Amino acid sequence: MSAYIDYARLLIEVGLTRLGIRVRDEHGGMSTEAAVLTGVLVAIAVAAGVILIAKMRSNAEAIPDTVTPPGN
């Protein structure tokens, strides 16, 4: 599992670098731009997850409890 997280971090860092956003400063820590962008992306992902869960729950509640057999 840790390898997947490291790979995802690497992909994000490479993508941000290609966009011209410095991911690391001189000391090796994350730059402010990268931290803000990461926070925005996490907020979008959380919002999408909440919307999907709400939609799944509403669809599950719309399933009828009883089903009439065909031909009745």
PDB file of N, CA and C in Angstrom:
ATOM      1  N   MET A   1       0.826  -1.196   0.000  1.00  0.00           N
ATOM      2  CA  MET A   1       0.000   0.000   0.000  1.00  0.00           C
ATOM      3  C   MET A   1       0.865   1.253   0.000  1.00  0.00           C
ATOM      4  N   SER A   2       1.972   1.209   0.734  1.00  0.00           N
ATOM      5  CA  SER A   2       2.852   2.370   0.812  1.00  0.00           C
ATOM      6  C   SER A   2       3.468   2.687  -0.547  1.00  0.00           C
ATOM      7  N   ALA A   3       3.732   1.657  -1.337  1.00  0.00           N
ATOM      8  CA  ALA A   3       4.316   1.877  -2.661  1.00  0.00           C
ATOM      9  C   ALA A   3       3.343   2.631  -3.557  1.00  0.00           C
ATOM     10  N   TYR A   4       2.045   2.331  -3.440  1.00  0.00           N
ATOM     11  CA  TYR A   4       1.046   3.035  -4.244  1.00  0.00           C
ATOM     12  C   TYR A   4       0.981   4.512  -3.875  1.00  0.00           C
ATOM     13  N   ILE A   5       1.083   4.796  -2.585  1.00  0.00           N
ATOM     14  CA  ILE A   5       1.044   6.185  -2.126  1.00  0.00           C
ATOM     15  C   ILE A   5       2.277   6.933  -2.622  1.00  0.00           C
ATOM     16  N   ASP A   6       3.440   6.290  -2.543  1.00  0.00           N
ATOM     17  CA  ASP A   6       4.661   6.921  -3.033  1.00  0.00           C
ATOM     18  C   ASP A   6       4.569   7.178  -4.533  1.00  0.00           C
ATOM     19  N   TYR A   7       4.020   6.222  -5.271  1.00  0.00           N
ATOM     20  CA  TYR A   7       3.870   6.371  -6.715  1.00  0.00           C
ATOM     21  C   TYR A   7       2.899   7.512  -7.038  1.00  0.00           C
ATOM     22  N   ALA A   8       1.798   7.616  -6.287  1.00  0.00           N
ATOM     23  CA  ALA A   8       0.834   8.690  -6.509  1.00  0.00           C
ATOM     24  C   ALA A   8       1.473  10.044  -6.217  1.00  0.00           C
ATOM     25  N   ARG A   9       2.241  10.131  -5.150  1.00  0.00           N
ATOM     26  CA  ARG A   9       2.933  11.393  -4.829  1.00  0.00           C
ATOM     27  C   ARG A   9       3.901  11.776  -5.933  1.00  0.00           C
ATOM     28  N   LEU A  10       4.617  10.793  -6.457  1.00  0.00           N
ATOM     29  CA  LEU A  10       5.562  11.063  -7.531  1.00  0.00           C
ATOM     30  C   LEU A  10       4.836  11.576  -8.772  1.00  0.00           C
ATOM     31  N   LEU A  11       3.713  10.941  -9.130  1.00  0.00           N
ATOM     32  CA  LEU A  11       2.953  11.380 -10.297  1.00  0.00           C
ATOM     33  C   LEU A  11       2.433  12.806 -10.123  1.00  0.00           C
ATOM     34  N   ILE A  12       1.942  13.123  -8.929  1.00  0.00           N
ATOM     35  CA  ILE A  12       1.447  14.479  -8.664  1.00  0.00           C
ATOM     36  C   ILE A  12       2.584  15.488  -8.757  1.00  0.00           C
ATOM     37  N   GLU A  13       3.729  15.139  -8.185  1.00  0.00           N
ATOM     38  CA  GLU A  13       4.866  16.055  -8.207  1.00  0.00           C
ATOM     39  C   GLU A  13       5.361  16.281  -9.632  1.00  0.00           C
ATOM     40  N   VAL A  14       5.422  15.232 -10.425  1.00  0.00           N
ATOM     41  CA  VAL A  14       5.858  15.383 -11.821  1.00  0.00           C
ATOM     42  C   VAL A  14       4.858  16.234 -12.599  1.00  0.00           C
ATOM     43  N   GLY A  15       3.560  15.990 -12.381  1.00  0.00           N
ATOM     44  CA  GLY A  15       2.541  16.770 -13.074  1.00  0.00           C
ATOM     45  C   GLY A  15       2.609  18.245 -12.719  1.00  0.00           C
ATOM     46  N   LEU A  16       2.771  18.556 -11.451  1.00  0.00           N
ATOM     47  CA  LEU A  16       2.869  19.952 -11.032  1.00  0.00           C
ATOM     48  C   LEU A  16       4.125  20.610 -11.583  1.00  0.00           C
ATOM     49  N   THR A  17       5.222  19.854 -11.629  1.00  0.00           N
ATOM     50  CA  THR A  17       6.466  20.393 -12.170  1.00  0.00           C
ATOM     51  C   THR A  17       6.309  20.711 -13.646  1.00  0.00           C
ATOM     52  N   ARG A  18       5.598  19.859 -14.377  1.00  0.00           N
ATOM     53  CA  ARG A  18       5.368  20.119 -15.806  1.00  0.00           C
ATOM     54  C   ARG A  18       4.497  21.359 -16.013  1.00  0.00           C
ATOM     55  N   LEU A  19       3.617  21.654 -15.055  1.00  0.00           N
ATOM     56  CA  LEU A  19       2.784  22.850 -15.153  1.00  0.00           C
ATOM     57  C   LEU A  19       3.541  24.114 -14.756  1.00  0.00           C
ATOM     58  N   GLY A  20       4.761  23.945 -14.284  1.00  0.00           N
ATOM     59  CA  GLY A  20       5.569  25.097 -13.897  1.00  0.00           C
ATOM     60  C   GLY A  20       5.403  25.492 -12.449  1.00  0.00           C
ATOM     61  N   ILE A  21       4.787  24.636 -11.648  1.00  0.00           N
ATOM     62  CA  ILE A  21       4.604  24.919 -10.226  1.00  0.00           C
ATOM     63  C   ILE A  21       5.718  24.216  -9.463  1.00  0.00           C
ATOM     64  N   ARG A  22       6.470  24.997  -8.726  1.00  0.00           N
ATOM     65  CA  ARG A  22       7.556  24.405  -7.948  1.00  0.00           C
ATOM     66  C   ARG A  22       6.958  23.649  -6.773  1.00  0.00           C
ATOM     67  N   VAL A  23       7.299  22.398  -6.677  1.00  0.00           N
ATOM     68  CA  VAL A  23       6.749  21.563  -5.621  1.00  0.00           C
ATOM     69  C   VAL A  23       7.611  21.628  -4.370  1.00  0.00           C
ATOM     70  N   ARG A  24       8.894  21.758  -4.545  1.00  0.00           N
ATOM     71  CA  ARG A  24       9.808  21.800  -3.399  1.00  0.00           C
ATOM     72  C   ARG A  24      10.598  23.104  -3.406  1.00  0.00           C
ATOM     73  N   ASP A  25      10.898  23.606  -2.212  1.00  0.00           N
ATOM     74  CA  ASP A  25      11.741  24.791  -2.131  1.00  0.00           C
ATOM     75  C   ASP A  25      13.200  24.366  -1.931  1.00  0.00           C
ATOM     76  N   GLU A  26      14.063  25.309  -1.586  1.00  0.00           N
ATOM     77  CA  GLU A  26      15.493  25.012  -1.458  1.00  0.00           C
ATOM     78  C   GLU A  26      15.795  24.020  -0.336  1.00  0.00           C
ATOM     79  N   HIS A  27      14.926  23.965   0.667  1.00  0.00           N
ATOM     80  CA  HIS A  27      15.163  23.094   1.812  1.00  0.00           C
ATOM     81  C   HIS A  27      14.529  21.720   1.643  1.00  0.00           C
ATOM     82  N   GLY A  28      13.838  21.499   0.561  1.00  0.00           N
ATOM     83  CA  GLY A  28      13.237  20.194   0.305  1.00  0.00           C
ATOM     84  C   GLY A  28      11.793  20.083   0.745  1.00  0.00           C
ATOM     85  N   GLY A  29      11.259  21.104   1.407  1.00  0.00           N
ATOM     86  CA  GLY A  29       9.862  21.071   1.833  1.00  0.00           C
ATOM     87  C   GLY A  29       8.945  21.491   0.697  1.00  0.00           C
ATOM     88  N   MET A  30       7.645  21.305   0.902  1.00  0.00           N
ATOM     89  CA  MET A  30       6.683  21.695  -0.133  1.00  0.00           C
ATOM     90  C   MET A  30       6.560  23.207  -0.203  1.00  0.00           C
ATOM     91  N   SER A  31       6.430  23.729  -1.406  1.00  0.00           N
ATOM     92  CA  SER A  31       6.211  25.159  -1.564  1.00  0.00           C
ATOM     93  C   SER A  31       4.765  25.489  -1.198  1.00  0.00           C
ATOM     94  N   THR A  32       4.500  26.737  -0.985  1.00  0.00           N
ATOM     95  CA  THR A  32       3.154  27.177  -0.608  1.00  0.00           C
ATOM     96  C   THR A  32       2.155  26.901  -1.718  1.00  0.00           C
ATOM     97  N   GLU A  33       2.561  27.134  -2.970  1.00  0.00           N
ATOM     98  CA  GLU A  33       1.666  26.887  -4.096  1.00  0.00           C
ATOM     99  C   GLU A  33       1.244  25.421  -4.159  1.00  0.00           C
ATOM    100  N   ALA A  34       2.206  24.533  -3.992  1.00  0.00           N
ATOM    101  CA  ALA A  34       1.904  23.100  -4.055  1.00  0.00           C
ATOM    102  C   ALA A  34       1.007  22.682  -2.892  1.00  0.00           C
ATOM    103  N   ALA A  35       1.244  23.244  -1.714  1.00  0.00           N
ATOM    104  CA  ALA A  35       0.424  22.898  -0.556  1.00  0.00           C
ATOM    105  C   ALA A  35      -1.010  23.374  -0.738  1.00  0.00           C
ATOM    106  N   VAL A  36      -1.185  24.578  -1.265  1.00  0.00           N
ATOM    107  CA  VAL A  36      -2.532  25.103  -1.491  1.00  0.00           C
ATOM    108  C   VAL A  36      -3.244  24.299  -2.566  1.00  0.00           C
ATOM    109  N   LEU A  37      -2.543  23.998  -3.645  1.00  0.00           N
ATOM    110  CA  LEU A  37      -3.142  23.222  -4.728  1.00  0.00           C
ATOM    111  C   LEU A  37      -3.511  21.822  -4.249  1.00  0.00           C
ATOM    112  N   THR A  38      -2.668  21.208  -3.454  1.00  0.00           N
ATOM    113  CA  THR A  38      -2.976  19.887  -2.906  1.00  0.00           C
ATOM    114  C   THR A  38      -4.205  19.961  -2.006  1.00  0.00           C
ATOM    115  N   GLY A  39      -4.306  21.002  -1.200  1.00  0.00           N
ATOM    116  CA  GLY A  39      -5.476  21.172  -0.337  1.00  0.00           C
ATOM    117  C   GLY A  39      -6.758  21.344  -1.134  1.00  0.00           C
ATOM    118  N   VAL A  40      -6.687  22.102  -2.220  1.00  0.00           N
ATOM    119  CA  VAL A  40      -7.860  22.293  -3.074  1.00  0.00           C
ATOM    120  C   VAL A  40      -8.269  20.966  -3.715  1.00  0.00           C
ATOM    121  N   LEU A  41      -7.305  20.208  -4.199  1.00  0.00           N
ATOM    122  CA  LEU A  41      -7.612  18.912  -4.815  1.00  0.00           C
ATOM    123  C   LEU A  41      -8.220  17.936  -3.812  1.00  0.00           C
ATOM    124  N   VAL A  42      -7.726  17.946  -2.592  1.00  0.00           N
ATOM    125  CA  VAL A  42      -8.294  17.080  -1.551  1.00  0.00           C
ATOM    126  C   VAL A  42      -9.723  17.508  -1.240  1.00  0.00           C
ATOM    127  N   ALA A  43      -9.978  18.810  -1.161  1.00  0.00           N
ATOM    128  CA  ALA A  43     -11.334  19.297  -0.885  1.00  0.00           C
ATOM    129  C   ALA A  43     -12.296  18.894  -2.000  1.00  0.00           C
ATOM    130  N   ILE A  44     -11.844  18.966  -3.252  1.00  0.00           N
ATOM    131  CA  ILE A  44     -12.686  18.548  -4.374  1.00  0.00           C
ATOM    132  C   ILE A  44     -12.974  17.058  -4.304  1.00  0.00           C
ATOM    133  N   ALA A  45     -11.969  16.266  -3.968  1.00  0.00           N
ATOM    134  CA  ALA A  45     -12.162  14.814  -3.861  1.00  0.00           C
ATOM    135  C   ALA A  45     -13.129  14.461  -2.743  1.00  0.00           C
ATOM    136  N   VAL A  46     -13.029  15.140  -1.614  1.00  0.00           N
ATOM    137  CA  VAL A  46     -13.945  14.885  -0.494  1.00  0.00           C
ATOM    138  C   VAL A  46     -15.366  15.271  -0.882  1.00  0.00           C
ATOM    139  N   ALA A  47     -15.521  16.414  -1.535  1.00  0.00           N
ATOM    140  CA  ALA A  47     -16.854  16.848  -1.958  1.00  0.00           C
ATOM    141  C   ALA A  47     -17.459  15.858  -2.953  1.00  0.00           C
ATOM    142  N   ALA A  48     -16.662  15.382  -3.885  1.00  0.00           N
ATOM    143  CA  ALA A  48     -17.158  14.396  -4.853  1.00  0.00           C
ATOM    144  C   ALA A  48     -17.562  13.106  -4.152  1.00  0.00           C
ATOM    145  N   GLY A  49     -16.791  12.682  -3.171  1.00  0.00           N
ATOM    146  CA  GLY A  49     -17.130  11.478  -2.410  1.00  0.00           C
ATOM    147  C   GLY A  49     -18.427  11.637  -1.646  1.00  0.00           C
ATOM    148  N   VAL A  50     -18.629  12.790  -1.026  1.00  0.00           N
ATOM    149  CA  VAL A  50     -19.870  13.038  -0.283  1.00  0.00           C
ATOM    150  C   VAL A  50     -21.071  13.032  -1.226  1.00  0.00           C
ATOM    151  N   ILE A  51     -20.908  13.644  -2.395  1.00  0.00           N
ATOM    152  CA  ILE A  51     -22.006  13.678  -3.368  1.00  0.00           C
ATOM    153  C   ILE A  51     -22.329  12.265  -3.857  1.00  0.00           C
ATOM    154  N   LEU A  52     -21.305  11.481  -4.150  1.00  0.00           N
ATOM    155  CA  LEU A  52     -21.533  10.108  -4.616  1.00  0.00           C
ATOM    156  C   LEU A  52     -22.218   9.249  -3.555  1.00  0.00           C
ATOM    157  N   ILE A  53     -21.797   9.374  -2.319  1.00  0.00           N
ATOM    158  CA  ILE A  53     -22.412   8.596  -1.244  1.00  0.00           C
ATOM    159  C   ILE A  53     -23.870   8.999  -1.064  1.00  0.00           C
ATOM    160  N   ALA A  54     -24.157  10.300  -1.105  1.00  0.00           N
ATOM    161  CA  ALA A  54     -25.541  10.764  -0.965  1.00  0.00           C
ATOM    162  C   ALA A  54     -26.402  10.240  -2.109  1.00  0.00           C
ATOM    163  N   LYS A  55     -25.869  10.250  -3.317  1.00  0.00           N
ATOM    164  CA  LYS A  55     -26.614   9.755  -4.479  1.00  0.00           C
ATOM    165  C   LYS A  55     -26.862   8.246  -4.364  1.00  0.00           C
ATOM    166  N   MET A  56     -25.866   7.499  -3.926  1.00  0.00           N
ATOM    167  CA  MET A  56     -26.048   6.050  -3.761  1.00  0.00           C
ATOM    168  C   MET A  56     -27.093   5.739  -2.700  1.00  0.00           C
ATOM    169  N   ARG A  57     -27.064   6.489  -1.607  1.00  0.00           N
ATOM    170  CA  ARG A  57     -28.048   6.252  -0.550  1.00  0.00           C
ATOM    171  C   ARG A  57     -29.461   6.582  -1.015  1.00  0.00           C
ATOM    172  N   SER A  58     -29.627   7.668  -1.770  1.00  0.00           N
ATOM    173  CA  SER A  58     -30.957   8.023  -2.235  1.00  0.00           C
ATOM    174  C   SER A  58     -31.470   6.998  -3.243  1.00  0.00           C
ATOM    175  N   ASN A  59     -30.599   6.479  -4.084  1.00  0.00           N
ATOM    176  CA  ASN A  59     -31.007   5.438  -5.025  1.00  0.00           C
ATOM    177  C   ASN A  59     -31.351   4.141  -4.292  1.00  0.00           C
ATOM    178  N   ALA A  60     -30.619   3.827  -3.234  1.00  0.00           N
ATOM    179  CA  ALA A  60     -30.890   2.609  -2.480  1.00  0.00           C
ATOM    180  C   ALA A  60     -32.233   2.706  -1.756  1.00  0.00           C
ATOM    181  N   GLU A  61     -32.575   3.903  -1.282  1.00  0.00           N
ATOM    182  CA  GLU A  61     -33.850   4.074  -0.595  1.00  0.00           C
ATOM    183  C   GLU A  61     -35.034   4.043  -1.562  1.00  0.00           C
ATOM    184  N   ALA A  62     -34.769   4.270  -2.851  1.00  0.00           N
ATOM    185  CA  ALA A  62     -35.845   4.271  -3.857  1.00  0.00           C
ATOM    186  C   ALA A  62     -36.191   2.874  -4.333  1.00  0.00           C
ATOM    187  N   ILE A  63     -35.439   1.863  -3.920  1.00  0.00           N
ATOM    188  CA  ILE A  63     -35.717   0.484  -4.318  1.00  0.00           C
ATOM    189  C   ILE A  63     -36.962   0.017  -3.550  1.00  0.00           C
ATOM    190  N   PRO A  64     -37.977  -0.506  -4.243  1.00  0.00           N
ATOM    191  CA  PRO A  64     -39.175  -0.938  -3.540  1.00  0.00           C
ATOM    192  C   PRO A  64     -38.891  -2.165  -2.665  1.00  0.00           C
ATOM    193  N   ASP A  65     -39.648  -2.243  -1.554  1.00  0.00           N
ATOM    194  CA  ASP A  65     -39.474  -3.371  -0.632  1.00  0.00           C
ATOM    195  C   ASP A  65     -40.070  -4.658  -1.171  1.00  0.00           C
ATOM    196  N   THR A  66     -41.181  -4.556  -1.882  1.00  0.00           N
ATOM    197  CA  THR A  66     -41.813  -5.743  -2.416  1.00  0.00           C
ATOM    198  C   THR A  66     -41.893  -5.644  -3.919  1.00  0.00           C
ATOM    199  N   VAL A  67     -41.831  -6.777  -4.538  1.00  0.00           N
ATOM    200  CA  VAL A  67     -41.917  -6.843  -6.000  1.00  0.00           C
ATOM    201  C   VAL A  67     -43.054  -7.772  -6.358  1.00  0.00           C
ATOM    202  N   THR A  68     -43.956  -7.298  -7.215  1.00  0.00           N
ATOM    203  CA  THR A  68     -45.058  -8.153  -7.633  1.00  0.00           C
ATOM    204  C   THR A  68     -44.592  -9.100  -8.733  1.00  0.00           C
ATOM    205  N   PRO A  69     -44.984 -10.360  -8.652  1.00  0.00           N
ATOM    206  CA  PRO A  69     -44.565 -11.307  -9.690  1.00  0.00           C
ATOM    207  C   PRO A  69     -45.219 -10.965 -11.022  1.00  0.00           C
ATOM    208  N   PRO A  70     -44.566 -11.261 -12.100  1.00  0.00           N
ATOM    209  CA  PRO A  70     -45.140 -10.951 -13.404  1.00  0.00           C
ATOM    210  C   PRO A  70     -46.406 -11.776 -13.652  1.00  0.00           C
ATOM    211  N   GLY A  71     -47.358 -11.158 -14.316  1.00  0.00           N
ATOM    212  CA  GLY A  71     -48.595 -11.844 -14.672  1.00  0.00           C
ATOM    213  C   GLY A  71     -49.712 -11.641 -13.660  1.00  0.00           C
ATOM    214  N   ASN A  72     -49.498 -10.866 -12.631  1.00  0.00           N
ATOM    215  CA  ASN A  72     -50.571 -10.643 -11.627  1.00  0.00           C
ATOM    216  C   ASN A  72     -51.250  -9.335 -11.845  1.00  0.00           C
TER     217      ASN A  72
END
